[in-house]
Amino acid sequence: MAVDSTNSPQVKLQPLADWVVAEGEEAVSKTASGIYLPDKAAEKPKVAKVLKVGKDVKSVKAGDRIVYKSYSTTEVKVGGTEYILVKEEDILATVA
């Protein structure tokens, strides 16, 4: 993913209204007890980094890490990079 001089990612998606574009964190591939999980068995991340926000989004900004509802996202792939689209109302918390 290309990065400009301010270190903010150059995302080719512009979210509308109350939508947020985010990038999910890596899924857990190894359990606490040391068992390696295949890609399909690994739990999907529910934490993501906000890349862009729509004009109506008030509670988060680009650069925030968010926790979101498990089944409330739309996943898209643009230019070889996977992004998560989530509505502001489905964001549960920010991570410090």
N, C-alpha and C. Protein backbone atom coordinates (compact mmCIF):
# COMPACT_ATOMS: atom_id res chain seq x y z
N MET A 1 0.85 -1.17 0.00
CA MET A 1 0.00 0.00 0.00
C MET A 1 0.90 1.23 0.00
N ALA A 2 0.63 2.16 -0.87
CA ALA A 2 1.43 3.38 -0.96
C ALA A 2 1.18 4.27 0.26
N VAL A 3 2.23 4.96 0.67
CA VAL A 3 2.12 5.85 1.83
C VAL A 3 2.64 7.22 1.43
N ASP A 4 1.91 8.28 1.81
CA ASP A 4 2.38 9.62 1.48
C ASP A 4 3.30 10.14 2.57
N SER A 5 3.76 11.39 2.45
CA SER A 5 4.74 11.93 3.38
C SER A 5 4.21 12.09 4.80
N THR A 6 2.91 12.05 5.01
CA THR A 6 2.34 12.16 6.35
C THR A 6 2.10 10.79 6.97
N ASN A 7 2.56 9.74 6.31
CA ASN A 7 2.40 8.36 6.76
C ASN A 7 0.97 7.88 6.80
N SER A 8 0.06 8.55 6.12
CA SER A 8 -1.31 8.05 6.04
C SER A 8 -1.45 7.25 4.75
N PRO A 9 -2.10 6.09 4.81
CA PRO A 9 -2.20 5.23 3.64
C PRO A 9 -3.02 5.88 2.52
N GLN A 10 -2.64 5.59 1.29
CA GLN A 10 -3.36 6.09 0.13
C GLN A 10 -4.44 5.07 -0.24
N VAL A 11 -5.60 5.21 0.35
CA VAL A 11 -6.70 4.29 0.13
C VAL A 11 -7.52 4.81 -1.04
N LYS A 12 -7.84 3.93 -1.97
CA LYS A 12 -8.58 4.35 -3.16
C LYS A 12 -10.09 4.26 -2.96
N LEU A 13 -10.53 4.05 -1.75
CA LEU A 13 -11.96 4.01 -1.43
C LEU A 13 -12.32 5.26 -0.65
N GLN A 14 -13.43 5.88 -0.99
CA GLN A 14 -13.93 7.01 -0.21
C GLN A 14 -15.27 6.61 0.37
N PRO A 15 -15.34 6.38 1.69
CA PRO A 15 -16.60 5.97 2.29
C PRO A 15 -17.64 7.09 2.25
N LEU A 16 -18.88 6.72 2.12
CA LEU A 16 -19.98 7.67 2.09
C LEU A 16 -20.66 7.75 3.45
N ALA A 17 -21.27 8.88 3.72
CA ALA A 17 -22.11 9.10 4.90
C ALA A 17 -21.47 8.59 6.19
N ASP A 18 -22.06 7.55 6.81
CA ASP A 18 -21.60 7.06 8.11
C ASP A 18 -20.80 5.77 8.01
N TRP A 19 -20.14 5.55 6.87
CA TRP A 19 -19.31 4.36 6.68
C TRP A 19 -17.85 4.67 6.97
N VAL A 20 -17.11 3.64 7.39
CA VAL A 20 -15.69 3.74 7.72
C VAL A 20 -14.95 2.69 6.91
N VAL A 21 -13.80 3.07 6.34
CA VAL A 21 -12.91 2.11 5.68
C VAL A 21 -11.80 1.79 6.66
N ALA A 22 -11.58 0.50 6.91
CA ALA A 22 -10.57 0.08 7.87
C ALA A 22 -9.80 -1.11 7.31
N GLU A 23 -8.69 -1.40 7.96
CA GLU A 23 -7.87 -2.55 7.59
C GLU A 23 -7.79 -3.46 8.81
N GLY A 24 -8.26 -4.70 8.65
CA GLY A 24 -8.28 -5.64 9.76
C GLY A 24 -6.90 -6.06 10.20
N GLU A 25 -6.78 -6.39 11.48
CA GLU A 25 -5.52 -6.90 12.00
C GLU A 25 -5.43 -8.38 11.69
N GLU A 26 -4.23 -8.90 11.71
CA GLU A 26 -3.99 -10.30 11.38
C GLU A 26 -4.75 -11.23 12.33
N ALA A 27 -5.26 -12.32 11.78
CA ALA A 27 -5.94 -13.33 12.58
C ALA A 27 -4.91 -14.10 13.40
N VAL A 28 -5.34 -14.62 14.53
CA VAL A 28 -4.47 -15.41 15.38
C VAL A 28 -4.17 -16.73 14.68
N SER A 29 -2.88 -17.05 14.50
CA SER A 29 -2.52 -18.29 13.82
C SER A 29 -1.95 -19.33 14.77
N LYS A 30 -1.79 -18.96 16.04
CA LYS A 30 -1.26 -19.89 17.04
C LYS A 30 -1.99 -19.65 18.35
N THR A 31 -2.46 -20.71 18.97
CA THR A 31 -3.19 -20.58 20.23
C THR A 31 -2.21 -20.31 21.37
N ALA A 32 -2.74 -19.94 22.52
CA ALA A 32 -1.91 -19.68 23.70
C ALA A 32 -1.14 -20.92 24.13
N SER A 33 -1.69 -22.11 23.84
CA SER A 33 -1.01 -23.35 24.22
C SER A 33 -0.01 -23.82 23.16
N GLY A 34 0.14 -23.04 22.07
CA GLY A 34 1.16 -23.36 21.08
C GLY A 34 0.68 -24.15 19.87
N ILE A 35 -0.62 -24.37 19.75
CA ILE A 35 -1.15 -25.12 18.61
C ILE A 35 -1.33 -24.16 17.43
N TYR A 36 -0.77 -24.54 16.27
CA TYR A 36 -0.91 -23.72 15.07
C TYR A 36 -2.24 -24.01 14.40
N LEU A 37 -2.94 -22.95 13.99
CA LEU A 37 -4.24 -23.08 13.36
C LEU A 37 -4.12 -22.85 11.86
N PRO A 38 -4.82 -23.65 11.05
CA PRO A 38 -4.84 -23.36 9.61
C PRO A 38 -5.60 -22.06 9.38
N ASP A 39 -5.35 -21.41 8.24
CA ASP A 39 -5.97 -20.11 7.95
C ASP A 39 -7.48 -20.10 8.14
N LYS A 40 -8.16 -21.15 7.71
CA LYS A 40 -9.63 -21.18 7.81
C LYS A 40 -10.12 -21.34 9.24
N ALA A 41 -9.31 -21.90 10.12
CA ALA A 41 -9.72 -22.11 11.50
C ALA A 41 -9.40 -20.91 12.38
N ALA A 42 -8.52 -20.05 11.93
CA ALA A 42 -8.12 -18.89 12.73
C ALA A 42 -9.31 -17.93 12.88
N GLU A 43 -9.46 -17.40 14.07
CA GLU A 43 -10.56 -16.48 14.34
C GLU A 43 -10.36 -15.18 13.58
N LYS A 44 -11.41 -14.70 12.95
CA LYS A 44 -11.33 -13.44 12.21
C LYS A 44 -11.10 -12.30 13.19
N PRO A 45 -10.28 -11.34 12.81
CA PRO A 45 -10.05 -10.21 13.71
C PRO A 45 -11.31 -9.35 13.85
N LYS A 46 -11.50 -8.81 15.02
CA LYS A 46 -12.62 -7.90 15.27
C LYS A 46 -12.07 -6.53 15.65
N VAL A 47 -10.77 -6.37 15.42
CA VAL A 47 -10.10 -5.11 15.65
C VAL A 47 -9.49 -4.66 14.33
N ALA A 48 -9.63 -3.38 14.02
CA ALA A 48 -9.12 -2.87 12.75
C ALA A 48 -8.61 -1.45 12.93
N LYS A 49 -7.78 -1.02 12.00
CA LYS A 49 -7.27 0.35 11.99
C LYS A 49 -8.08 1.15 10.98
N VAL A 50 -8.62 2.29 11.43
CA VAL A 50 -9.42 3.16 10.56
C VAL A 50 -8.49 3.87 9.57
N LEU A 51 -8.84 3.78 8.28
CA LEU A 51 -8.06 4.43 7.24
C LEU A 51 -8.73 5.69 6.72
N LYS A 52 -10.06 5.64 6.53
CA LYS A 52 -10.83 6.80 6.07
C LYS A 52 -12.22 6.74 6.69
N VAL A 53 -12.84 7.91 6.83
CA VAL A 53 -14.20 7.97 7.37
C VAL A 53 -15.09 8.79 6.44
N GLY A 54 -16.38 8.47 6.43
CA GLY A 54 -17.35 9.23 5.67
C GLY A 54 -17.62 10.57 6.33
N LYS A 55 -18.28 11.47 5.59
CA LYS A 55 -18.48 12.84 6.08
C LYS A 55 -19.37 12.93 7.32
N ASP A 56 -20.21 11.92 7.58
CA ASP A 56 -21.11 11.97 8.73
C ASP A 56 -20.55 11.28 9.98
N VAL A 57 -19.38 10.70 9.89
CA VAL A 57 -18.79 9.97 11.02
C VAL A 57 -18.22 10.97 12.03
N LYS A 58 -18.64 10.84 13.28
CA LYS A 58 -18.23 11.77 14.33
C LYS A 58 -17.36 11.14 15.42
N SER A 59 -17.49 9.82 15.64
CA SER A 59 -16.86 9.21 16.81
C SER A 59 -15.47 8.64 16.59
N VAL A 60 -15.04 8.45 15.35
CA VAL A 60 -13.69 7.93 15.09
C VAL A 60 -13.05 8.74 13.96
N LYS A 61 -11.73 8.62 13.86
CA LYS A 61 -10.99 9.31 12.80
C LYS A 61 -9.92 8.38 12.25
N ALA A 62 -9.35 8.74 11.12
CA ALA A 62 -8.28 7.94 10.53
C ALA A 62 -7.15 7.76 11.54
N GLY A 63 -6.65 6.53 11.63
CA GLY A 63 -5.58 6.22 12.57
C GLY A 63 -6.06 5.54 13.84
N ASP A 64 -7.36 5.68 14.18
CA ASP A 64 -7.91 5.01 15.36
C ASP A 64 -7.95 3.50 15.15
N ARG A 65 -7.81 2.75 16.25
CA ARG A 65 -8.05 1.30 16.22
C ARG A 65 -9.43 1.09 16.82
N ILE A 66 -10.24 0.28 16.14
CA ILE A 66 -11.63 0.08 16.56
C ILE A 66 -11.93 -1.39 16.80
N VAL A 67 -12.93 -1.62 17.64
CA VAL A 67 -13.52 -2.94 17.83
C VAL A 67 -14.90 -2.86 17.21
N TYR A 68 -15.25 -3.84 16.37
CA TYR A 68 -16.52 -3.79 15.65
C TYR A 68 -17.28 -5.10 15.81
N LYS A 69 -18.59 -5.05 15.54
CA LYS A 69 -19.43 -6.24 15.62
C LYS A 69 -18.95 -7.27 14.60
N SER A 70 -19.00 -8.54 14.99
CA SER A 70 -18.45 -9.63 14.17
C SER A 70 -19.00 -9.71 12.76
N TYR A 71 -20.29 -9.62 12.60
CA TYR A 71 -20.89 -9.86 11.29
C TYR A 71 -21.46 -8.59 10.67
N SER A 72 -20.85 -7.46 10.97
CA SER A 72 -21.41 -6.19 10.50
C SER A 72 -20.58 -5.52 9.41
N THR A 73 -19.64 -6.25 8.83
CA THR A 73 -18.75 -5.63 7.86
C THR A 73 -18.98 -6.12 6.44
N THR A 74 -18.49 -5.33 5.50
CA THR A 74 -18.42 -5.73 4.11
C THR A 74 -16.94 -5.71 3.75
N GLU A 75 -16.45 -6.82 3.22
CA GLU A 75 -15.04 -6.90 2.85
C GLU A 75 -14.90 -6.67 1.35
N VAL A 76 -13.94 -5.82 0.98
CA VAL A 76 -13.67 -5.55 -0.43
C VAL A 76 -12.17 -5.62 -0.67
N LYS A 77 -11.81 -5.95 -1.90
CA LYS A 77 -10.40 -6.00 -2.28
C LYS A 77 -10.18 -5.00 -3.40
N VAL A 78 -9.28 -4.05 -3.18
CA VAL A 78 -8.98 -3.02 -4.17
C VAL A 78 -7.47 -2.97 -4.35
N GLY A 79 -7.03 -3.16 -5.59
CA GLY A 79 -5.59 -3.10 -5.86
C GLY A 79 -4.78 -4.11 -5.09
N GLY A 80 -5.34 -5.27 -4.82
CA GLY A 80 -4.62 -6.31 -4.09
C GLY A 80 -4.65 -6.17 -2.58
N THR A 81 -5.28 -5.13 -2.07
CA THR A 81 -5.37 -4.92 -0.62
C THR A 81 -6.80 -5.13 -0.17
N GLU A 82 -6.97 -5.87 0.93
CA GLU A 82 -8.31 -6.10 1.48
C GLU A 82 -8.67 -5.03 2.49
N TYR A 83 -9.87 -4.50 2.36
CA TYR A 83 -10.38 -3.48 3.26
C TYR A 83 -11.68 -3.95 3.88
N ILE A 84 -12.02 -3.36 5.02
CA ILE A 84 -13.27 -3.63 5.71
C ILE A 84 -14.09 -2.34 5.68
N LEU A 85 -15.35 -2.45 5.29
CA LEU A 85 -16.28 -1.33 5.37
C LEU A 85 -17.24 -1.62 6.51
N VAL A 86 -17.36 -0.68 7.44
CA VAL A 86 -18.23 -0.87 8.59
C VAL A 86 -18.97 0.44 8.86
N LYS A 87 -20.24 0.33 9.24
CA LYS A 87 -21.02 1.52 9.59
C LYS A 87 -20.61 1.99 10.98
N GLU A 88 -20.66 3.29 11.18
CA GLU A 88 -20.28 3.86 12.47
C GLU A 88 -21.07 3.24 13.63
N GLU A 89 -22.35 2.96 13.42
CA GLU A 89 -23.19 2.39 14.49
C GLU A 89 -22.75 0.98 14.89
N ASP A 90 -21.96 0.30 14.05
CA ASP A 90 -21.50 -1.05 14.36
C ASP A 90 -20.12 -1.07 15.01
N ILE A 91 -19.56 0.11 15.27
CA ILE A 91 -18.29 0.22 15.98
C ILE A 91 -18.61 0.23 17.47
N LEU A 92 -18.00 -0.69 18.20
CA LEU A 92 -18.30 -0.85 19.62
C LEU A 92 -17.39 -0.03 20.52
N ALA A 93 -16.13 0.14 20.12
CA ALA A 93 -15.16 0.83 20.98
C ALA A 93 -13.92 1.21 20.18
N THR A 94 -13.13 2.10 20.77
CA THR A 94 -11.80 2.38 20.23
C THR A 94 -10.79 1.74 21.17
N VAL A 95 -9.64 1.39 20.63
CA VAL A 95 -8.58 0.75 21.42
C VAL A 95 -7.47 1.77 21.61
N ALA A 96 -7.09 1.99 22.87
CA ALA A 96 -6.03 2.97 23.17
C ALA A 96 -4.67 2.45 22.81
